[in-house]
Amino acid sequence: MSGISGPSSKPRIAVALLYEEPNAPKVVASGQGWIGEKIIETAKEHGVPIEEDPVLAQALSTIEIDEEIPEALYRAVAEVLSFLLKR
């Protein structure tokens, strides 16, 4: 799953998460601008589901690569994962 910020004058932010039970989801890629665009492009090429959520993307972008998301973001990420899995 990737959280990406929506279109605006600001550079897009992309965050890729990996979720392997029983662990919490962790950030596996994050970037903005050109790097963010490459993350999105790579996700699309590999059929990775993408959800645009600028607020969540911004919050997730503060987490270090290979770090689990904090409990404060569990609910927001769970809602996105649930939505993506129903597609």
N, C-alpha and C. Protein backbone atom coordinates (compact mmCIF):
# COMPACT_ATOMS: atom_id res chain seq x y z
N MET A 1 0.85 -1.16 0.00
CA MET A 1 0.00 0.00 0.00
C MET A 1 0.89 1.22 0.00
N SER A 2 0.45 2.22 -0.72
CA SER A 2 1.15 3.49 -0.69
C SER A 2 0.19 4.58 -0.27
N GLY A 3 0.63 5.43 0.62
CA GLY A 3 -0.14 6.63 0.95
C GLY A 3 0.47 7.77 0.18
N ILE A 4 -0.32 8.47 -0.60
CA ILE A 4 0.23 9.57 -1.36
C ILE A 4 -0.60 10.81 -1.17
N SER A 5 0.08 11.94 -1.22
CA SER A 5 -0.65 13.19 -1.11
C SER A 5 -1.27 13.52 -2.44
N GLY A 6 -2.33 14.28 -2.42
CA GLY A 6 -3.07 14.61 -3.63
C GLY A 6 -2.42 15.71 -4.43
N PRO A 7 -3.04 16.05 -5.57
CA PRO A 7 -2.48 17.07 -6.44
C PRO A 7 -2.56 18.45 -5.77
N SER A 8 -1.51 19.19 -5.87
CA SER A 8 -1.45 20.57 -5.37
C SER A 8 -0.15 21.17 -5.85
N SER A 9 0.15 22.36 -5.38
CA SER A 9 1.40 23.00 -5.79
C SER A 9 2.58 22.42 -5.02
N LYS A 10 2.32 21.71 -3.92
CA LYS A 10 3.39 21.09 -3.14
C LYS A 10 3.83 19.80 -3.82
N PRO A 11 5.10 19.41 -3.62
CA PRO A 11 5.54 18.13 -4.16
C PRO A 11 4.73 16.99 -3.54
N ARG A 12 4.42 15.99 -4.34
CA ARG A 12 3.67 14.84 -3.83
C ARG A 12 4.54 14.04 -2.88
N ILE A 13 3.90 13.52 -1.86
CA ILE A 13 4.57 12.66 -0.89
C ILE A 13 4.03 11.25 -1.10
N ALA A 14 4.92 10.28 -1.14
CA ALA A 14 4.51 8.89 -1.26
C ALA A 14 5.17 8.09 -0.14
N VAL A 15 4.39 7.21 0.45
CA VAL A 15 4.89 6.34 1.51
C VAL A 15 4.38 4.93 1.21
N ALA A 16 5.29 3.98 1.17
CA ALA A 16 4.92 2.58 0.94
C ALA A 16 5.00 1.83 2.27
N LEU A 17 3.98 1.04 2.53
CA LEU A 17 3.92 0.26 3.76
C LEU A 17 3.94 -1.23 3.45
N LEU A 18 4.50 -1.99 4.36
CA LEU A 18 4.48 -3.45 4.29
C LEU A 18 3.79 -3.95 5.55
N TYR A 19 2.80 -4.81 5.37
CA TYR A 19 2.08 -5.35 6.52
C TYR A 19 2.18 -6.86 6.50
N GLU A 20 2.86 -7.40 7.49
CA GLU A 20 2.99 -8.85 7.66
C GLU A 20 2.56 -9.19 9.08
N GLU A 21 1.39 -9.83 9.19
CA GLU A 21 0.89 -10.21 10.51
C GLU A 21 1.89 -11.12 11.19
N PRO A 22 2.07 -11.06 12.47
CA PRO A 22 1.30 -10.32 13.47
C PRO A 22 1.89 -8.94 13.77
N ASN A 23 2.87 -8.51 13.00
CA ASN A 23 3.52 -7.22 13.26
C ASN A 23 2.68 -6.05 12.76
N ALA A 24 3.00 -4.88 13.26
CA ALA A 24 2.37 -3.65 12.77
C ALA A 24 2.93 -3.34 11.39
N PRO A 25 2.18 -2.62 10.56
CA PRO A 25 2.72 -2.19 9.27
C PRO A 25 3.99 -1.37 9.48
N LYS A 26 4.91 -1.48 8.53
CA LYS A 26 6.13 -0.68 8.62
C LYS A 26 6.35 0.07 7.32
N VAL A 27 7.06 1.18 7.41
CA VAL A 27 7.38 2.00 6.26
C VAL A 27 8.55 1.35 5.53
N VAL A 28 8.37 1.09 4.23
CA VAL A 28 9.45 0.48 3.44
C VAL A 28 10.00 1.42 2.37
N ALA A 29 9.29 2.51 2.11
CA ALA A 29 9.78 3.54 1.18
C ALA A 29 9.04 4.83 1.47
N SER A 30 9.74 5.94 1.29
CA SER A 30 9.12 7.24 1.55
C SER A 30 9.90 8.30 0.78
N GLY A 31 9.17 9.24 0.21
CA GLY A 31 9.84 10.32 -0.50
C GLY A 31 8.85 11.35 -1.00
N GLN A 32 9.37 12.48 -1.42
CA GLN A 32 8.51 13.52 -1.99
C GLN A 32 9.14 14.03 -3.27
N GLY A 33 8.34 14.72 -4.04
CA GLY A 33 8.82 15.23 -5.32
C GLY A 33 9.14 14.10 -6.27
N TRP A 34 10.31 14.16 -6.89
CA TRP A 34 10.71 13.15 -7.88
C TRP A 34 10.75 11.75 -7.26
N ILE A 35 11.28 11.64 -6.06
CA ILE A 35 11.36 10.33 -5.40
C ILE A 35 9.95 9.80 -5.13
N GLY A 36 9.07 10.66 -4.67
CA GLY A 36 7.68 10.26 -4.45
C GLY A 36 7.03 9.76 -5.73
N GLU A 37 7.27 10.47 -6.82
CA GLU A 37 6.72 10.05 -8.12
C GLU A 37 7.26 8.68 -8.53
N LYS A 38 8.54 8.42 -8.28
CA LYS A 38 9.14 7.12 -8.62
C LYS A 38 8.54 6.00 -7.77
N ILE A 39 8.27 6.29 -6.49
CA ILE A 39 7.63 5.29 -5.63
C ILE A 39 6.25 4.94 -6.19
N ILE A 40 5.49 5.95 -6.58
CA ILE A 40 4.15 5.74 -7.13
C ILE A 40 4.24 4.96 -8.44
N GLU A 41 5.16 5.35 -9.31
CA GLU A 41 5.34 4.67 -10.60
C GLU A 41 5.69 3.19 -10.39
N THR A 42 6.61 2.92 -9.47
CA THR A 42 7.03 1.55 -9.20
C THR A 42 5.87 0.73 -8.63
N ALA A 43 5.09 1.34 -7.74
CA ALA A 43 3.93 0.65 -7.17
C ALA A 43 2.95 0.27 -8.28
N LYS A 44 2.66 1.21 -9.17
CA LYS A 44 1.73 0.93 -10.27
C LYS A 44 2.25 -0.19 -11.17
N GLU A 45 3.55 -0.17 -11.47
CA GLU A 45 4.15 -1.19 -12.33
C GLU A 45 4.01 -2.59 -11.72
N HIS A 46 4.00 -2.67 -10.39
CA HIS A 46 3.94 -3.96 -9.71
C HIS A 46 2.55 -4.29 -9.16
N GLY A 47 1.56 -3.51 -9.56
CA GLY A 47 0.19 -3.79 -9.15
C GLY A 47 -0.09 -3.56 -7.67
N VAL A 48 0.71 -2.71 -7.04
CA VAL A 48 0.51 -2.41 -5.62
C VAL A 48 -0.64 -1.41 -5.50
N PRO A 49 -1.61 -1.71 -4.64
CA PRO A 49 -2.73 -0.77 -4.46
C PRO A 49 -2.25 0.58 -3.93
N ILE A 50 -2.88 1.63 -4.42
CA ILE A 50 -2.51 2.99 -4.03
C ILE A 50 -3.74 3.72 -3.52
N GLU A 51 -3.56 4.44 -2.44
CA GLU A 51 -4.63 5.27 -1.87
C GLU A 51 -4.08 6.67 -1.66
N GLU A 52 -4.81 7.67 -2.13
CA GLU A 52 -4.39 9.06 -1.93
C GLU A 52 -5.00 9.60 -0.66
N ASP A 53 -4.14 9.97 0.28
CA ASP A 53 -4.56 10.54 1.55
C ASP A 53 -3.45 11.48 2.01
N PRO A 54 -3.54 12.77 1.65
CA PRO A 54 -2.46 13.71 1.94
C PRO A 54 -2.11 13.83 3.42
N VAL A 55 -3.11 13.81 4.28
CA VAL A 55 -2.84 13.96 5.72
C VAL A 55 -2.10 12.73 6.26
N LEU A 56 -2.58 11.55 5.89
CA LEU A 56 -1.93 10.32 6.33
C LEU A 56 -0.53 10.20 5.73
N ALA A 57 -0.38 10.54 4.46
CA ALA A 57 0.94 10.48 3.82
C ALA A 57 1.93 11.38 4.55
N GLN A 58 1.50 12.57 4.92
CA GLN A 58 2.38 13.49 5.65
C GLN A 58 2.79 12.89 6.99
N ALA A 59 1.83 12.33 7.71
CA ALA A 59 2.14 11.72 9.02
C ALA A 59 3.08 10.53 8.87
N LEU A 60 2.83 9.69 7.87
CA LEU A 60 3.67 8.51 7.66
C LEU A 60 5.07 8.88 7.18
N SER A 61 5.19 10.01 6.50
CA SER A 61 6.50 10.41 5.96
C SER A 61 7.50 10.78 7.04
N THR A 62 7.04 10.95 8.27
CA THR A 62 7.95 11.29 9.37
C THR A 62 8.56 10.05 10.01
N ILE A 63 8.11 8.87 9.59
CA ILE A 63 8.59 7.61 10.17
C ILE A 63 9.80 7.13 9.37
N GLU A 64 10.80 6.65 10.07
CA GLU A 64 12.02 6.14 9.41
C GLU A 64 11.71 4.86 8.62
N ILE A 65 12.48 4.63 7.57
CA ILE A 65 12.37 3.41 6.77
C ILE A 65 12.64 2.21 7.68
N ASP A 66 11.87 1.14 7.49
CA ASP A 66 11.93 -0.11 8.26
C ASP A 66 11.42 0.02 9.69
N GLU A 67 10.80 1.15 10.03
CA GLU A 67 10.20 1.32 11.35
C GLU A 67 8.70 1.03 11.26
N GLU A 68 8.16 0.41 12.31
CA GLU A 68 6.73 0.17 12.37
C GLU A 68 6.00 1.49 12.61
N ILE A 69 4.77 1.56 12.13
CA ILE A 69 3.99 2.77 12.35
C ILE A 69 3.63 2.86 13.84
N PRO A 70 3.48 4.06 14.37
CA PRO A 70 3.10 4.20 15.78
C PRO A 70 1.63 3.86 16.00
N GLU A 71 1.31 3.49 17.23
CA GLU A 71 -0.08 3.13 17.56
C GLU A 71 -1.06 4.23 17.20
N ALA A 72 -0.63 5.46 17.28
CA ALA A 72 -1.52 6.59 16.98
C ALA A 72 -2.04 6.55 15.55
N LEU A 73 -1.34 5.85 14.64
CA LEU A 73 -1.76 5.77 13.24
C LEU A 73 -2.41 4.44 12.88
N TYR A 74 -2.54 3.52 13.83
CA TYR A 74 -3.12 2.21 13.55
C TYR A 74 -4.49 2.32 12.91
N ARG A 75 -5.37 3.10 13.50
CA ARG A 75 -6.75 3.17 13.01
C ARG A 75 -6.80 3.71 11.58
N ALA A 76 -6.07 4.81 11.31
CA ALA A 76 -6.09 5.41 9.97
C ALA A 76 -5.53 4.43 8.94
N VAL A 77 -4.44 3.76 9.27
CA VAL A 77 -3.84 2.81 8.33
C VAL A 77 -4.74 1.59 8.17
N ALA A 78 -5.36 1.13 9.24
CA ALA A 78 -6.28 -0.01 9.15
C ALA A 78 -7.45 0.30 8.23
N GLU A 79 -7.97 1.51 8.29
CA GLU A 79 -9.07 1.90 7.41
C GLU A 79 -8.64 1.88 5.95
N VAL A 80 -7.44 2.36 5.68
CA VAL A 80 -6.93 2.35 4.30
C VAL A 80 -6.71 0.92 3.84
N LEU A 81 -6.08 0.09 4.67
CA LEU A 81 -5.84 -1.30 4.30
C LEU A 81 -7.15 -2.03 4.04
N SER A 82 -8.13 -1.81 4.88
CA SER A 82 -9.44 -2.44 4.70
C SER A 82 -10.06 -2.03 3.37
N PHE A 83 -10.00 -0.75 3.07
CA PHE A 83 -10.54 -0.23 1.80
C PHE A 83 -9.81 -0.87 0.61
N LEU A 84 -8.48 -0.91 0.68
CA LEU A 84 -7.71 -1.45 -0.44
C LEU A 84 -7.94 -2.95 -0.63
N LEU A 85 -8.11 -3.68 0.45
CA LEU A 85 -8.33 -5.12 0.34
C LEU A 85 -9.70 -5.47 -0.22
N LYS A 86 -10.64 -4.54 -0.13
CA LYS A 86 -11.99 -4.78 -0.66
C LYS A 86 -12.09 -4.47 -2.15
N ARG A 87 -11.08 -3.88 -2.72
CA ARG A 87 -11.11 -3.53 -4.15
C ARG A 87 -11.08 -4.77 -5.00
